[in-house]
């Protein structure tokens, strides 16, 4: 694409550190950043927020899988 993190940050009016942290998974995409990215790339902000939400869910599933395995669903308890 030929677009650096620095250039993207300047173009959308955010600190370069914000873009770097998003790229490296240290920060999520906020509504403000989603609106700016959408405007720049000609997309919609909701798509950027959906990407962030999907990433957050995948990460949470990986981090909590063992704890989730210990939870017995209500439907199974009621039947037992």
N, C-alpha and C. Protein backbone atom coordinates (compact mmCIF):
# COMPACT_ATOMS: atom_id res chain seq x y z
N UNK A 1 0.82 -1.19 0.00
CA UNK A 1 0.00 0.00 0.00
C UNK A 1 0.87 1.26 0.00
N UNK A 2 2.07 1.17 0.57
CA UNK A 2 2.97 2.30 0.56
C UNK A 2 2.60 3.41 1.53
N UNK A 3 1.90 3.09 2.60
CA UNK A 3 1.48 4.08 3.58
C UNK A 3 2.08 3.71 4.93
N UNK A 4 2.92 4.58 5.44
CA UNK A 4 3.54 4.29 6.73
C UNK A 4 2.58 4.63 7.87
N UNK A 5 2.87 4.08 9.02
CA UNK A 5 2.08 4.40 10.21
C UNK A 5 2.13 5.90 10.48
N UNK A 6 3.30 6.46 10.35
CA UNK A 6 3.48 7.89 10.61
C UNK A 6 2.63 8.73 9.66
N UNK A 7 2.69 8.39 8.39
CA UNK A 7 1.93 9.16 7.39
C UNK A 7 0.43 9.04 7.64
N UNK A 8 -0.03 7.83 7.96
CA UNK A 8 -1.45 7.64 8.26
C UNK A 8 -1.86 8.50 9.45
N UNK A 9 -1.05 8.49 10.49
CA UNK A 9 -1.36 9.29 11.68
C UNK A 9 -1.48 10.77 11.33
N UNK A 10 -0.54 11.27 10.57
CA UNK A 10 -0.56 12.69 10.17
C UNK A 10 -1.80 12.98 9.34
N UNK A 11 -2.11 12.11 8.40
CA UNK A 11 -3.25 12.31 7.50
C UNK A 11 -4.58 12.34 8.25
N UNK A 12 -4.71 11.53 9.30
CA UNK A 12 -5.99 11.48 10.02
C UNK A 12 -5.98 12.32 11.30
N UNK A 13 -4.87 12.97 11.56
CA UNK A 13 -4.81 13.91 12.68
C UNK A 13 -4.73 13.29 14.06
N UNK A 14 -4.00 12.19 14.18
CA UNK A 14 -3.80 11.57 15.49
C UNK A 14 -2.30 11.43 15.75
N UNK A 15 -1.92 11.25 17.01
CA UNK A 15 -0.50 11.05 17.29
C UNK A 15 0.00 9.75 16.66
N UNK A 16 1.19 9.75 16.08
CA UNK A 16 1.73 8.53 15.48
C UNK A 16 1.77 7.35 16.45
N UNK A 17 1.98 7.64 17.71
CA UNK A 17 2.01 6.57 18.72
C UNK A 17 0.69 5.80 18.75
N UNK A 18 -0.43 6.48 18.55
CA UNK A 18 -1.74 5.82 18.57
C UNK A 18 -1.81 4.74 17.49
N UNK A 19 -1.39 5.08 16.29
CA UNK A 19 -1.44 4.11 15.19
C UNK A 19 -0.50 2.95 15.48
N UNK A 20 0.69 3.25 15.98
CA UNK A 20 1.65 2.21 16.31
C UNK A 20 1.09 1.26 17.37
N UNK A 21 0.46 1.79 18.38
CA UNK A 21 -0.11 0.95 19.44
C UNK A 21 -1.26 0.10 18.93
N UNK A 22 -2.07 0.64 18.03
CA UNK A 22 -3.16 -0.15 17.43
C UNK A 22 -2.58 -1.30 16.63
N UNK A 23 -1.59 -0.99 15.80
CA UNK A 23 -0.97 -2.01 14.95
C UNK A 23 -0.36 -3.14 15.78
N UNK A 24 0.20 -2.80 16.93
CA UNK A 24 0.87 -3.80 17.77
C UNK A 24 -0.05 -4.39 18.84
N UNK A 25 -1.34 -4.12 18.76
CA UNK A 25 -2.30 -4.72 19.69
C UNK A 25 -2.24 -4.18 21.10
N UNK A 26 -1.66 -3.02 21.27
CA UNK A 26 -1.55 -2.43 22.61
C UNK A 26 -2.67 -1.44 22.89
N UNK A 27 -3.45 -1.12 21.87
CA UNK A 27 -4.54 -0.16 22.01
C UNK A 27 -5.63 -0.58 21.04
N UNK A 28 -6.86 -0.35 21.44
CA UNK A 28 -7.98 -0.66 20.57
C UNK A 28 -8.34 0.53 19.69
N UNK A 29 -9.18 0.27 18.71
CA UNK A 29 -9.68 1.33 17.84
C UNK A 29 -10.88 1.97 18.52
N UNK A 30 -10.76 3.23 18.87
CA UNK A 30 -11.85 3.96 19.51
C UNK A 30 -12.83 4.45 18.45
N UNK A 31 -13.98 4.93 18.90
CA UNK A 31 -14.96 5.49 17.97
C UNK A 31 -14.36 6.66 17.20
N UNK A 32 -13.59 7.50 17.88
CA UNK A 32 -12.95 8.64 17.23
C UNK A 32 -11.99 8.18 16.13
N UNK A 33 -11.16 7.21 16.45
CA UNK A 33 -10.21 6.70 15.46
C UNK A 33 -10.94 6.01 14.32
N UNK A 34 -11.99 5.28 14.63
CA UNK A 34 -12.78 4.60 13.60
C UNK A 34 -13.37 5.61 12.62
N UNK A 35 -13.88 6.71 13.13
CA UNK A 35 -14.44 7.75 12.25
C UNK A 35 -13.36 8.34 11.34
N UNK A 36 -12.19 8.57 11.88
CA UNK A 36 -11.09 9.14 11.11
C UNK A 36 -10.60 8.16 10.03
N UNK A 37 -10.44 6.89 10.43
CA UNK A 37 -10.01 5.87 9.46
C UNK A 37 -11.05 5.70 8.35
N UNK A 38 -12.31 5.71 8.73
CA UNK A 38 -13.38 5.56 7.75
C UNK A 38 -13.36 6.70 6.74
N UNK A 39 -13.19 7.89 7.22
CA UNK A 39 -13.15 9.05 6.34
C UNK A 39 -11.96 8.95 5.38
N UNK A 40 -10.80 8.61 5.91
CA UNK A 40 -9.58 8.54 5.11
C UNK A 40 -9.66 7.44 4.05
N UNK A 41 -10.10 6.25 4.45
CA UNK A 41 -10.12 5.11 3.54
C UNK A 41 -11.42 4.97 2.75
N UNK A 42 -12.39 5.85 2.99
CA UNK A 42 -13.65 5.78 2.26
C UNK A 42 -14.49 4.57 2.65
N UNK A 43 -14.44 4.21 3.91
CA UNK A 43 -15.21 3.08 4.42
C UNK A 43 -16.20 3.62 5.46
N UNK A 44 -16.76 2.73 6.27
CA UNK A 44 -17.65 3.22 7.32
C UNK A 44 -17.04 2.91 8.69
N UNK A 45 -17.33 3.76 9.64
CA UNK A 45 -16.75 3.63 10.97
C UNK A 45 -17.16 2.34 11.67
N UNK A 46 -18.38 1.90 11.44
CA UNK A 46 -18.86 0.69 12.10
C UNK A 46 -18.02 -0.52 11.72
N UNK A 47 -17.53 -0.57 10.50
CA UNK A 47 -16.67 -1.69 10.09
C UNK A 47 -15.39 -1.73 10.91
N UNK A 48 -14.82 -0.57 11.19
CA UNK A 48 -13.60 -0.51 12.00
C UNK A 48 -13.90 -0.95 13.43
N UNK A 49 -15.04 -0.52 13.96
CA UNK A 49 -15.40 -0.93 15.32
C UNK A 49 -15.72 -2.42 15.38
N UNK A 50 -16.33 -2.94 14.31
CA UNK A 50 -16.62 -4.38 14.26
C UNK A 50 -15.32 -5.19 14.24
N UNK A 51 -14.33 -4.72 13.50
CA UNK A 51 -13.03 -5.40 13.48
C UNK A 51 -12.42 -5.42 14.88
N UNK A 52 -12.51 -4.30 15.58
CA UNK A 52 -11.98 -4.23 16.94
C UNK A 52 -12.73 -5.17 17.86
N UNK A 53 -14.05 -5.18 17.74
CA UNK A 53 -14.87 -6.05 18.58
C UNK A 53 -14.55 -7.53 18.34
N UNK A 54 -14.38 -7.88 17.08
CA UNK A 54 -14.04 -9.27 16.73
C UNK A 54 -12.68 -9.64 17.32
N UNK A 55 -11.71 -8.76 17.20
CA UNK A 55 -10.38 -8.99 17.76
C UNK A 55 -10.47 -9.17 19.28
N UNK A 56 -11.23 -8.28 19.93
CA UNK A 56 -11.37 -8.36 21.39
C UNK A 56 -11.99 -9.69 21.82
N UNK A 57 -13.00 -10.15 21.09
CA UNK A 57 -13.67 -11.40 21.43
C UNK A 57 -12.72 -12.59 21.25
N UNK A 58 -11.98 -12.62 20.15
CA UNK A 58 -11.03 -13.71 19.91
C UNK A 58 -9.97 -13.74 21.02
N UNK A 59 -9.47 -12.59 21.38
CA UNK A 59 -8.45 -12.49 22.42
C UNK A 59 -9.01 -12.96 23.76
N UNK A 60 -10.23 -12.54 24.08
CA UNK A 60 -10.85 -12.94 25.35
C UNK A 60 -11.09 -14.44 25.39
N UNK A 61 -11.51 -15.02 24.28
CA UNK A 61 -11.73 -16.47 24.25
C UNK A 61 -10.44 -17.23 24.51
N UNK A 62 -9.36 -16.77 23.93
CA UNK A 62 -8.07 -17.42 24.16
C UNK A 62 -7.62 -17.28 25.61
N UNK A 63 -7.82 -16.10 26.16
CA UNK A 63 -7.35 -15.83 27.52
C UNK A 63 -8.20 -16.49 28.60
N UNK A 64 -9.46 -16.76 28.31
CA UNK A 64 -10.36 -17.29 29.34
C UNK A 64 -10.85 -18.71 29.06
N UNK A 65 -10.29 -19.37 28.08
CA UNK A 65 -10.80 -20.69 27.69
C UNK A 65 -10.81 -21.69 28.85
N UNK A 66 -9.77 -21.73 29.66
CA UNK A 66 -9.72 -22.67 30.78
C UNK A 66 -10.78 -22.34 31.82
N UNK A 67 -10.95 -21.08 32.12
CA UNK A 67 -11.96 -20.67 33.09
C UNK A 67 -13.37 -20.97 32.57
N UNK A 68 -13.58 -20.75 31.28
CA UNK A 68 -14.90 -21.02 30.69
C UNK A 68 -15.23 -22.51 30.72
N UNK A 69 -14.21 -23.35 30.55
CA UNK A 69 -14.43 -24.80 30.58
C UNK A 69 -14.94 -25.26 31.93
N UNK A 70 -14.67 -24.52 32.99
CA UNK A 70 -15.10 -24.88 34.34
C UNK A 70 -16.54 -24.46 34.65
N UNK A 71 -17.13 -23.67 33.77
CA UNK A 71 -18.50 -23.19 34.01
C UNK A 71 -19.49 -24.16 33.40
N UNK A 72 -20.39 -24.68 34.25
CA UNK A 72 -21.41 -25.60 33.77
C UNK A 72 -22.63 -24.77 33.32
N UNK A 73 -23.05 -24.93 32.07
CA UNK A 73 -24.21 -24.19 31.59
C UNK A 73 -25.46 -24.47 32.43
N UNK A 74 -26.30 -23.48 32.59
CA UNK A 74 -27.52 -23.59 33.38
C UNK A 74 -28.40 -24.74 32.89
N UNK A 75 -28.50 -24.87 31.58
CA UNK A 75 -29.37 -25.92 31.02
C UNK A 75 -28.90 -27.32 31.44
N UNK A 76 -27.60 -27.50 31.60
CA UNK A 76 -27.07 -28.80 32.03
C UNK A 76 -27.31 -29.01 33.53
N UNK A 77 -27.29 -27.97 34.31
CA UNK A 77 -27.55 -28.08 35.75
C UNK A 77 -29.00 -28.42 36.01
N UNK A 78 -29.87 -27.77 35.29
CA UNK A 78 -31.30 -27.98 35.49
C UNK A 78 -31.69 -29.41 35.14
N UNK A 79 -31.00 -29.98 34.17
CA UNK A 79 -31.31 -31.35 33.73
C UNK A 79 -30.69 -32.39 34.66
N UNK A 80 -29.67 -32.00 35.42
CA UNK A 80 -28.95 -32.96 36.28
C UNK A 80 -29.68 -33.29 37.56
